């Protein structure tokens, strides 16, 4: 069905207004959430890391990095970063701007002397904010089979393409365009692209396990790659070489290393003025905003807090990094399977547990009540279904619908310990559910993507 609004009327709900401290710790709640996440999504494993104000507050792995050999996932397990690799390259760009070696708005010909027309007048800002006009992928699939060993080769791969529109005029996501940033970094730093990344970014930030993605023997520190085929999780045995898009999607990393990277945005490694520049929304000539800054996607969470981040999806990986600039909080998640997970929502959900001093509980009384579900079906017609809401006084419950409605078949509910926020554990990850009791019962279920700032509820419970 289409993602339309669903209305649920709860016939009876018992509730008391008294507040008390919950009977479980934050870590215990995260463990419950993540283990239920694995059961619902059926992914092999997930790595989680959270840092706040420059210190790692949480780092844990759940499930398996290697199902065949029963190797458990760790927060230090290395997984393909996919498009979160762009943020590694962006951090190098930000460092060079901080050092006064790079002008985001200068023609990149200044840094790549050998660059050919019509790419010479492009700016680093246009490339990073996806307004360059360069297509997302190479012209020929055969290009993906080659092993690229130099920045010059990466640049030449871009030069084989044709600009799709006038640079700066519109937004169109392009991983291939990031190849040019390797040339920009080399020209601005005077070093080889990878040398600069490794010596001037990874080393000072303590990113000890981040490196270019290369085929290697699987060890206990490396995750195997999985995918879903006809709904069944299988091992992905074929390795696709990502060297053709190294700056945009070609690194391996860990959830711990990714939150360490963000510490550089808080401790002066990246100056505050440069960070603010990177996190500024891009405005097109039309006046429309893209909700993308210099590489970073601009967003906000369920209660309106500003976020920046980026997600990735590629062979054997689904990844995300989300940063709260004002709160100086970062959440990184890495899954070792290519899958359809709403990973931004999952990261935002976990972030709520670190954006409060302590967990509290609205002390829900145990209940089991029938509900009527009204929703719009695939044909935009109103339909009715029946189900149940169950909730324990500790804040754990279920939402059960008797018909197979997208996202709402049988889902566990978890109170997040603050205000009216709950997590609904679905086959697509953790989603936000808000429940209010005064003056009457009303719930709203949210599903959104990083660049959607409307945050309108997809489902309403009454």
Protein backbone atom coordinates (compact mmCIF):
# COMPACT_ATOMS: atom_id res chain seq x y z
CA UNK A 1 0.00 0.00 0.00
CA UNK A 2 0.98 3.64 -0.34
CA UNK A 3 2.26 5.39 2.77
CA UNK A 4 -1.04 7.08 3.62
CA UNK A 5 -2.48 8.19 6.90
CA UNK A 6 -4.05 5.55 9.10
CA UNK A 7 -6.45 6.40 11.91
CA UNK A 8 -6.82 4.11 14.92
CA UNK A 9 -9.51 4.66 17.54
CA UNK A 10 -8.66 3.07 20.87
CA UNK A 11 -11.83 2.10 22.67
CA UNK A 12 -10.35 2.15 26.18
CA UNK A 13 -6.96 3.18 27.51
CA UNK A 14 -6.10 3.29 31.19
CA UNK A 15 -3.48 5.87 32.19
CA UNK A 16 -2.18 7.66 35.27
CA UNK A 17 -0.38 10.99 35.17
CA UNK A 18 2.13 10.24 37.90
CA UNK A 19 5.82 10.21 36.96
CA UNK A 20 8.48 7.91 38.32
CA UNK A 21 11.93 6.72 37.44
CA UNK A 22 11.90 3.72 35.14
CA UNK A 23 12.98 0.33 36.40
CA UNK A 24 15.59 -0.17 33.69
CA UNK A 25 18.75 1.60 32.59
CA UNK A 26 19.37 3.30 29.28
CA UNK A 27 21.76 0.52 28.25
CA UNK A 28 19.13 -2.11 29.05
CA UNK A 29 16.57 -0.25 26.95
CA UNK A 30 19.01 0.03 24.04
CA UNK A 31 19.70 -3.68 24.30
CA UNK A 32 15.96 -4.43 24.17
CA UNK A 33 15.49 -2.08 21.23
CA UNK A 34 18.40 -3.45 19.21
CA UNK A 35 17.62 -7.10 19.83
CA UNK A 36 14.03 -6.51 18.77
CA UNK A 37 15.37 -4.56 15.78
CA UNK A 38 17.32 -7.65 14.70
CA UNK A 39 14.29 -9.91 15.10
CA UNK A 40 12.00 -7.65 13.09
CA UNK A 41 14.38 -6.60 10.30
CA UNK A 42 16.19 -9.98 10.09
CA UNK A 43 19.52 -8.23 9.37
CA UNK A 44 22.59 -10.18 10.55
CA UNK A 45 24.10 -7.50 12.78
CA UNK A 46 24.29 -3.84 13.69
CA UNK A 47 27.07 -1.75 15.20
CA UNK A 48 26.14 1.26 17.36
CA UNK A 49 28.27 4.12 18.69
CA UNK A 50 27.25 7.36 20.41
CA UNK A 51 29.45 10.27 21.45
CA UNK A 52 28.54 13.42 23.33
CA UNK A 53 30.70 16.51 23.78
CA UNK A 54 33.79 14.71 22.58
CA UNK A 55 33.42 11.54 24.66
CA UNK A 56 32.12 8.14 23.57
CA UNK A 57 29.09 7.37 25.76
CA UNK A 58 28.05 4.11 24.15
CA UNK A 59 29.59 1.56 21.79
CA UNK A 60 28.17 -1.91 21.23
CA UNK A 61 27.51 -4.49 18.58
CA UNK A 62 24.42 -6.69 18.24
CA UNK A 63 23.91 -9.82 16.20
CA UNK A 64 26.62 -11.24 13.98
CA UNK A 65 29.38 -9.92 11.77
CA UNK A 66 29.77 -13.42 10.35
CA UNK A 67 26.81 -15.78 10.61
CA UNK A 68 28.62 -18.75 9.07
CA UNK A 69 31.31 -18.73 11.76
CA UNK A 70 29.24 -17.30 14.64
CA UNK A 71 31.40 -14.17 14.94
CA UNK A 72 29.54 -11.58 16.97
CA UNK A 73 29.22 -7.97 15.83
CA UNK A 74 31.31 -5.42 17.73
CA UNK A 75 31.37 -1.62 17.70
CA UNK A 76 34.87 -1.96 16.24
CA UNK A 77 33.88 -4.37 13.45
CA UNK A 78 34.83 -2.93 10.08
CA UNK A 79 31.97 -2.55 7.58
CA UNK A 80 31.64 -0.84 4.23
CA UNK A 81 30.81 2.81 4.90
CA UNK A 82 29.04 3.17 1.53
CA UNK A 83 28.02 6.81 0.95
CA UNK A 84 28.99 7.80 4.50
CA UNK A 85 32.45 7.73 2.86
CA UNK A 86 31.49 11.13 1.44
CA UNK A 87 31.64 12.57 4.95
CA UNK A 88 35.20 11.30 5.30
CA UNK A 89 36.16 13.20 2.16
CA UNK A 90 34.14 16.23 3.34
CA UNK A 91 36.05 16.21 6.64
CA UNK A 92 39.31 16.40 4.67
CA UNK A 93 37.86 19.31 2.68
CA UNK A 94 36.81 21.01 5.93
CA UNK A 95 40.27 20.59 7.43
CA UNK A 96 41.90 22.18 4.38
CA UNK A 97 39.49 25.12 4.59
CA UNK A 98 40.28 25.45 8.30
CA UNK A 99 43.99 25.53 7.43
CA UNK A 100 43.38 28.26 4.85
CA UNK A 101 44.53 26.04 1.97
CA UNK A 102 41.21 25.67 0.15
CA UNK A 103 38.54 28.08 -1.11
CA UNK A 104 35.18 26.36 -1.48
CA UNK A 105 34.06 28.83 -4.14
CA UNK A 106 37.18 28.95 -6.31
CA UNK A 107 37.13 27.14 -9.69
CA UNK A 108 38.58 23.68 -9.08
CA UNK A 109 40.98 24.18 -12.02
CA UNK A 110 43.05 26.04 -9.41
CA UNK A 111 43.66 22.73 -7.64
CA UNK A 112 43.47 20.32 -10.61
CA UNK A 113 45.59 21.93 -13.38
CA UNK A 114 45.14 19.00 -15.77
CA UNK A 115 41.32 19.11 -15.60
CA UNK A 116 39.52 19.38 -18.94
CA UNK A 117 36.50 21.43 -20.01
CA UNK A 118 33.63 21.74 -19.17
CA UNK A 119 34.55 20.88 -15.58
CA UNK A 120 37.18 23.57 -14.97
CA UNK A 121 34.78 26.23 -13.69
CA UNK A 122 33.03 23.96 -11.21
CA UNK A 123 33.58 24.87 -7.56
CA UNK A 124 34.20 22.59 -4.61
CA UNK A 125 30.93 23.82 -3.08
CA UNK A 126 28.93 22.81 -6.19
CA UNK A 127 30.47 19.35 -6.16
CA UNK A 128 29.90 18.78 -2.46
CA UNK A 129 26.31 20.05 -2.41
CA UNK A 130 25.34 18.05 -5.52
CA UNK A 131 24.62 20.97 -7.83
CA UNK A 132 27.53 20.27 -10.21
CA UNK A 133 25.51 18.62 -12.99
CA UNK A 134 27.80 15.58 -13.06
CA UNK A 135 25.83 12.30 -13.35
CA UNK A 136 25.60 9.95 -10.40
CA UNK A 137 27.35 7.01 -12.09
CA UNK A 138 30.04 6.48 -14.77
CA UNK A 139 29.03 6.42 -18.42
CA UNK A 140 30.01 2.78 -18.94
CA UNK A 141 29.48 -0.15 -16.56
CA UNK A 142 32.82 -1.58 -17.66
CA UNK A 143 34.43 1.30 -15.75
CA UNK A 144 33.29 -0.33 -12.51
CA UNK A 145 35.33 -3.46 -13.22
CA UNK A 146 38.66 -1.68 -13.32
CA UNK A 147 40.86 -1.14 -10.28
CA UNK A 148 41.64 2.57 -9.93
CA UNK A 149 45.02 3.29 -8.39
CA UNK A 150 45.42 7.04 -8.85
CA UNK A 151 43.49 10.26 -8.49
CA UNK A 152 44.20 11.08 -12.13
CA UNK A 153 42.26 7.97 -13.18
CA UNK A 154 39.33 8.95 -10.95
CA UNK A 155 39.25 12.42 -12.51
CA UNK A 156 39.42 10.99 -16.03
CA UNK A 157 36.37 8.84 -15.24
CA UNK A 158 34.41 12.03 -14.57
CA UNK A 159 35.75 13.62 -17.76
CA UNK A 160 34.10 10.83 -19.79
CA UNK A 161 30.67 12.19 -18.80
CA UNK A 162 28.57 15.14 -19.95
CA UNK A 163 27.07 17.74 -17.61
CA UNK A 164 23.35 17.16 -17.16
CA UNK A 165 22.49 20.79 -16.37
CA UNK A 166 24.03 24.19 -15.73
CA UNK A 167 26.13 23.93 -12.55
CA UNK A 168 24.49 25.54 -9.55
CA UNK A 169 21.01 25.56 -11.09
CA UNK A 170 19.51 22.44 -9.48
CA UNK A 171 20.16 19.58 -7.06
CA UNK A 172 20.95 16.09 -8.33
CA UNK A 173 22.84 13.60 -6.17
CA UNK A 174 26.17 12.44 -7.62
CA UNK A 175 28.67 10.04 -6.13
CA UNK A 176 30.84 10.23 -9.24
CA UNK A 177 31.32 13.99 -8.80
CA UNK A 178 33.14 13.34 -5.54
CA UNK A 179 36.00 11.82 -7.57
CA UNK A 180 36.98 15.41 -8.38
CA UNK A 181 37.38 16.12 -4.67
CA UNK A 182 40.33 13.72 -4.56
CA UNK A 183 42.03 16.00 -7.09
CA UNK A 184 41.05 19.10 -5.13
CA UNK A 185 42.50 17.65 -1.93
CA UNK A 186 45.75 16.71 -3.67
CA UNK A 187 46.14 20.16 -5.20
CA UNK A 188 45.30 22.03 -2.00
CA UNK A 189 47.39 19.87 0.33
CA UNK A 190 50.36 19.05 -1.88
CA UNK A 191 49.95 15.40 -0.88
CA UNK A 192 48.51 12.30 -2.49
CA UNK A 193 44.77 12.06 -1.70
CA UNK A 194 45.01 8.89 0.39
CA UNK A 195 48.20 10.04 2.11
CA UNK A 196 46.46 13.22 3.22
CA UNK A 197 43.36 11.32 4.37
CA UNK A 198 45.40 8.82 6.36
CA UNK A 199 48.06 11.16 7.78
CA UNK A 200 46.07 14.34 8.32
CA UNK A 201 42.58 13.01 9.07
CA UNK A 202 42.58 9.42 10.30
CA UNK A 203 45.71 9.64 12.44
CA UNK A 204 44.95 12.84 14.42
CA UNK A 205 41.30 11.85 14.90
CA UNK A 206 42.16 8.32 16.06
CA UNK A 207 40.29 6.59 13.24
CA UNK A 208 42.47 3.52 13.48
CA UNK A 209 40.28 1.08 11.57
CA UNK A 210 39.15 3.24 8.66
CA UNK A 211 40.75 2.53 5.29
CA UNK A 212 39.99 2.15 1.57
CA UNK A 213 37.64 -0.75 0.87
CA UNK A 214 39.68 -3.57 -0.63
CA UNK A 215 38.96 -7.29 -0.90
CA UNK A 216 40.50 -8.98 2.11
CA UNK A 217 40.34 -12.15 4.11
CA UNK A 218 37.44 -12.02 6.56
CA UNK A 219 38.65 -11.95 10.15
CA UNK A 220 36.84 -11.43 13.44
CA UNK A 221 37.34 -7.68 12.89
CA UNK A 222 35.77 -7.67 9.40
CA UNK A 223 32.08 -8.12 8.69
CA UNK A 224 30.87 -10.42 5.95
CA UNK A 225 28.45 -8.92 3.43
CA UNK A 226 24.83 -10.03 3.19
CA UNK A 227 21.75 -9.19 1.14
CA UNK A 228 18.09 -10.12 0.95
CA UNK A 229 16.94 -12.22 -1.98
CA UNK A 230 13.20 -12.92 -2.25
CA UNK A 231 12.93 -11.92 1.39
CA UNK A 232 15.62 -14.34 2.57
CA UNK A 233 18.96 -13.23 4.03
CA UNK A 234 21.91 -14.72 2.15
CA UNK A 235 25.68 -14.27 2.07
CA UNK A 236 26.80 -11.98 -0.76
CA UNK A 237 29.78 -13.89 -2.14
CA UNK A 238 30.61 -11.65 -5.08
CA UNK A 239 32.82 -8.66 -4.31
CA UNK A 240 32.15 -5.44 -6.23
CA UNK A 241 35.21 -3.23 -6.46
CA UNK A 242 34.46 0.30 -5.23
CA UNK A 243 37.75 1.91 -6.19
CA UNK A 244 36.04 3.80 -9.03
CA UNK A 245 34.13 5.83 -6.42
CA UNK A 246 36.59 5.86 -3.52
CA UNK A 247 35.99 9.49 -2.37
CA UNK A 248 32.22 9.06 -2.48
CA UNK A 249 31.58 5.48 -1.34
CA UNK A 250 34.82 3.50 -1.19
CA UNK A 251 35.90 3.32 2.46
CA UNK A 252 35.45 0.79 5.23
CA UNK A 253 35.04 2.03 8.78
CA UNK A 254 33.53 1.29 12.19
CA UNK A 255 30.77 3.01 14.13
CA UNK A 256 33.36 4.03 16.72
CA UNK A 257 35.66 5.59 14.12
CA UNK A 258 32.79 7.55 12.59
CA UNK A 259 31.83 9.20 15.87
CA UNK A 260 35.52 9.92 16.47
CA UNK A 261 35.52 11.78 13.15
CA UNK A 262 32.76 14.05 14.43
CA UNK A 263 34.79 14.94 17.50
CA UNK A 264 36.93 16.95 15.08
CA UNK A 265 33.95 19.23 14.48
CA UNK A 266 33.76 20.04 18.19
CA UNK A 267 37.37 20.28 19.38
CA UNK A 268 38.70 22.87 16.91
CA UNK A 269 40.22 20.44 14.43
CA UNK A 270 37.50 21.81 12.13
CA UNK A 271 36.96 25.45 13.07
CA UNK A 272 33.49 26.42 14.28
CA UNK A 273 33.08 28.93 11.44
CA UNK A 274 33.95 26.29 8.84
CA UNK A 275 31.58 23.79 10.46
CA UNK A 276 28.78 26.38 10.37
CA UNK A 277 29.53 26.95 6.67
CA UNK A 278 29.37 23.22 5.96
CA UNK A 279 26.09 22.89 7.85
CA UNK A 280 24.40 25.79 6.00
CA UNK A 281 21.46 24.95 3.73
CA UNK A 282 22.02 25.40 -0.02
CA UNK A 283 19.64 27.78 -1.78
CA UNK A 284 19.06 27.39 -5.52
CA UNK A 285 18.52 30.32 -7.92
CA UNK A 286 14.80 29.46 -7.79
CA UNK A 287 14.78 30.22 -4.08
CA UNK A 288 14.20 26.58 -3.15
CA UNK A 289 16.44 25.06 -0.51
CA UNK A 290 17.97 21.63 -1.06
CA UNK A 291 18.37 20.76 2.65
CA UNK A 292 21.99 19.89 1.87
CA UNK A 293 25.03 21.87 2.89
CA UNK A 294 28.63 21.16 1.97
CA UNK A 295 28.10 17.41 1.76
CA UNK A 296 26.05 17.23 4.96
CA UNK A 297 22.30 16.65 4.76
CA UNK A 298 20.38 19.16 6.84
CA UNK A 299 17.54 17.78 8.95
CA UNK A 300 15.79 17.83 12.29
CA UNK A 301 14.49 15.16 14.59
CA UNK A 302 10.99 14.43 15.81
CA UNK A 303 10.98 17.26 18.38
CA UNK A 304 12.60 19.80 16.08
CA UNK A 305 16.25 19.58 17.06
CA UNK A 306 18.62 20.45 14.21
CA UNK A 307 20.66 17.58 12.78
CA UNK A 308 23.22 17.02 10.06
CA UNK A 309 24.07 13.61 8.72
CA UNK A 310 24.39 11.22 5.84
CA UNK A 311 23.28 7.68 5.13
CA UNK A 312 24.69 5.03 2.84
CA UNK A 313 23.53 1.87 1.09
CA UNK A 314 25.63 -0.41 -1.04
CA UNK A 315 26.66 -4.02 -1.40
CA UNK A 316 26.80 -5.54 2.07
CA UNK A 317 26.07 -2.33 3.96
CA UNK A 318 23.47 0.10 5.28
CA UNK A 319 25.02 2.95 7.27
CA UNK A 320 24.33 6.34 8.80
CA UNK A 321 25.96 9.10 10.81
CA UNK A 322 23.77 11.71 12.51
CA UNK A 323 25.16 14.73 14.38
CA UNK A 324 23.32 17.21 16.60
CA UNK A 325 25.44 20.40 16.35
CA UNK A 326 23.87 22.29 19.27
CA UNK A 327 23.80 19.30 21.61
CA UNK A 328 27.19 18.02 20.36
CA UNK A 329 25.81 14.51 20.07
CA UNK A 330 26.66 11.99 17.35
CA UNK A 331 25.09 8.61 16.58
CA UNK A 332 26.56 6.15 14.08
CA UNK A 333 24.94 2.90 12.95
CA UNK A 334 26.41 0.30 10.58
CA UNK A 335 24.61 -2.81 9.30
CA UNK A 336 26.44 -5.53 7.37
CA UNK A 337 23.67 -6.10 4.83
CA UNK A 338 22.18 -4.19 1.94
CA UNK A 339 18.63 -3.66 3.14
CA UNK A 340 15.60 -1.35 3.15
CA UNK A 341 15.97 0.09 6.64
CA UNK A 342 14.79 3.58 7.61
CA UNK A 343 18.14 4.18 9.20
CA UNK A 344 17.86 7.92 9.87
CA UNK A 345 14.72 7.33 11.94
CA UNK A 346 16.45 4.51 13.81
CA UNK A 347 19.42 6.76 14.64
CA UNK A 348 17.16 9.64 15.71
CA UNK A 349 15.22 7.26 17.95
CA UNK A 350 18.35 6.11 19.76
CA UNK A 351 19.58 9.70 20.04
CA UNK A 352 16.58 10.58 22.24
CA UNK A 353 17.98 8.34 24.97
CA UNK A 354 21.13 10.50 25.15
CA UNK A 355 19.41 13.88 24.88
CA UNK A 356 17.98 13.66 28.39
CA UNK A 357 19.54 13.47 31.82
CA UNK A 358 17.64 10.39 32.96
CA UNK A 359 14.82 8.14 31.83
CA UNK A 360 11.41 8.64 33.43
CA UNK A 361 8.15 6.77 33.04
CA UNK A 362 4.54 7.87 32.66
CA UNK A 363 3.65 4.71 34.58
CA UNK A 364 1.25 3.18 32.09
CA UNK A 365 -1.04 0.61 33.65
CA UNK A 366 -1.26 -2.80 32.05
CA UNK A 367 -3.99 -2.90 29.43
CA UNK A 368 -5.37 -4.99 26.59
CA UNK A 369 -8.01 -3.29 24.50
CA UNK A 370 -9.48 -3.72 21.06
CA UNK A 371 -8.91 -1.06 18.42
CA UNK A 372 -10.54 -0.14 15.14
CA UNK A 373 -8.19 0.76 12.32
CA UNK A 374 -9.22 3.03 9.49
CA UNK A 375 -6.77 3.67 6.66
CA UNK A 376 -6.44 4.48 2.98
CA UNK A 377 -5.57 1.42 0.88
CA UNK A 378 -3.53 1.08 -2.31
CA UNK A 379 -6.48 2.32 -4.35
CA UNK A 380 -6.93 5.41 -2.18
CA UNK A 381 -10.10 3.92 -0.73
CA UNK A 382 -11.00 4.05 2.99
CA UNK A 383 -10.74 0.64 4.67
CA UNK A 384 -11.31 -0.77 8.14
CA UNK A 385 -9.42 -3.35 10.19
CA UNK A 386 -9.38 -4.50 13.79
CA UNK A 387 -6.64 -5.11 16.28
CA UNK A 388 -5.35 -4.61 19.81
CA UNK A 389 -3.15 -2.33 21.86
CA UNK A 390 -1.32 -3.90 24.76
CA UNK A 391 0.90 -2.00 27.19
CA UNK A 392 2.70 -2.90 30.40
CA UNK A 393 3.11 -0.44 33.26
CA UNK A 394 6.88 -0.53 32.61
CA UNK A 395 6.41 1.05 29.19
CA UNK A 396 6.65 -1.99 26.90
CA UNK A 397 3.77 -2.99 24.70
CA UNK A 398 2.44 -4.12 21.34
CA UNK A 399 0.38 -2.74 18.50
CA UNK A 400 -1.38 -5.60 16.69
CA UNK A 401 -3.45 -5.28 13.53
CA UNK A 402 -5.36 -8.30 12.20
CA UNK A 403 -4.83 -7.43 8.54
CA UNK A 404 -1.51 -7.11 6.75
CA UNK A 405 -1.20 -3.32 6.68
CA UNK A 406 2.24 -1.95 5.78
CA UNK A 407 4.26 -1.37 8.98
CA UNK A 408 1.32 -2.26 11.21
CA UNK A 409 0.95 -6.04 11.39
CA UNK A 410 2.44 -6.81 14.80
CA UNK A 411 4.94 -4.40 16.30
CA UNK A 412 6.50 -3.97 19.71
CA UNK A 413 6.28 -0.58 21.42
CA UNK A 414 8.96 0.91 23.70
CA UNK A 415 8.55 4.03 25.82
CA UNK A 416 11.66 6.18 25.35
CA UNK A 417 11.59 7.60 28.86
CA UNK A 418 10.77 11.21 28.05
CA UNK A 419 7.71 13.28 27.19
CA UNK A 420 5.37 11.43 24.81
CA UNK A 421 7.99 9.59 22.73
CA UNK A 422 7.80 5.89 21.90
CA UNK A 423 9.65 3.65 19.48
CA UNK A 424 7.74 1.29 17.22
CA UNK A 425 9.91 -1.64 16.13
CA UNK A 426 9.06 -2.48 12.52
CA UNK A 427 10.48 -4.64 9.75
CA UNK A 428 12.04 -1.42 8.40
CA UNK A 429 13.68 -0.33 11.65
CA UNK A 430 12.76 1.86 14.61
CA UNK A 431 10.11 4.51 13.99
CA UNK A 432 8.84 7.34 16.18
CA UNK A 433 5.42 7.07 17.76
CA UNK A 434 4.10 9.91 19.91
CA UNK A 435 1.23 9.23 22.31
CA UNK A 436 -0.68 11.94 24.19
CA UNK A 437 -3.37 11.28 26.78
CA UNK A 438 -4.75 14.75 27.60
CA UNK A 439 -7.38 15.83 26.86
CA UNK A 440 -7.93 12.56 24.95
CA UNK A 441 -5.84 9.73 23.59
CA UNK A 442 -4.01 10.49 20.36
CA UNK A 443 -0.99 8.88 18.75
CA UNK A 444 1.06 9.79 15.68
CA UNK A 445 3.47 7.53 13.83
CA UNK A 446 6.21 9.21 11.80
CA UNK A 447 8.13 8.00 8.78
CA UNK A 448 10.51 10.38 7.04
CA UNK A 449 13.81 10.65 5.19
CA UNK A 450 16.81 12.85 5.92
CA UNK A 451 16.00 15.72 3.55
CA UNK A 452 12.29 15.87 4.41
CA UNK A 453 11.84 18.59 7.03
CA UNK A 454 8.02 18.55 7.17
CA UNK A 455 7.84 15.75 9.74
CA UNK A 456 4.15 15.13 9.13
CA UNK A 457 2.70 11.98 10.75
CA UNK A 458 2.03 9.09 8.36
CA UNK A 459 -0.35 7.41 10.82
CA UNK A 460 -2.63 8.85 13.49
CA UNK A 461 -3.99 6.85 16.43
CA UNK A 462 -7.20 7.94 18.20
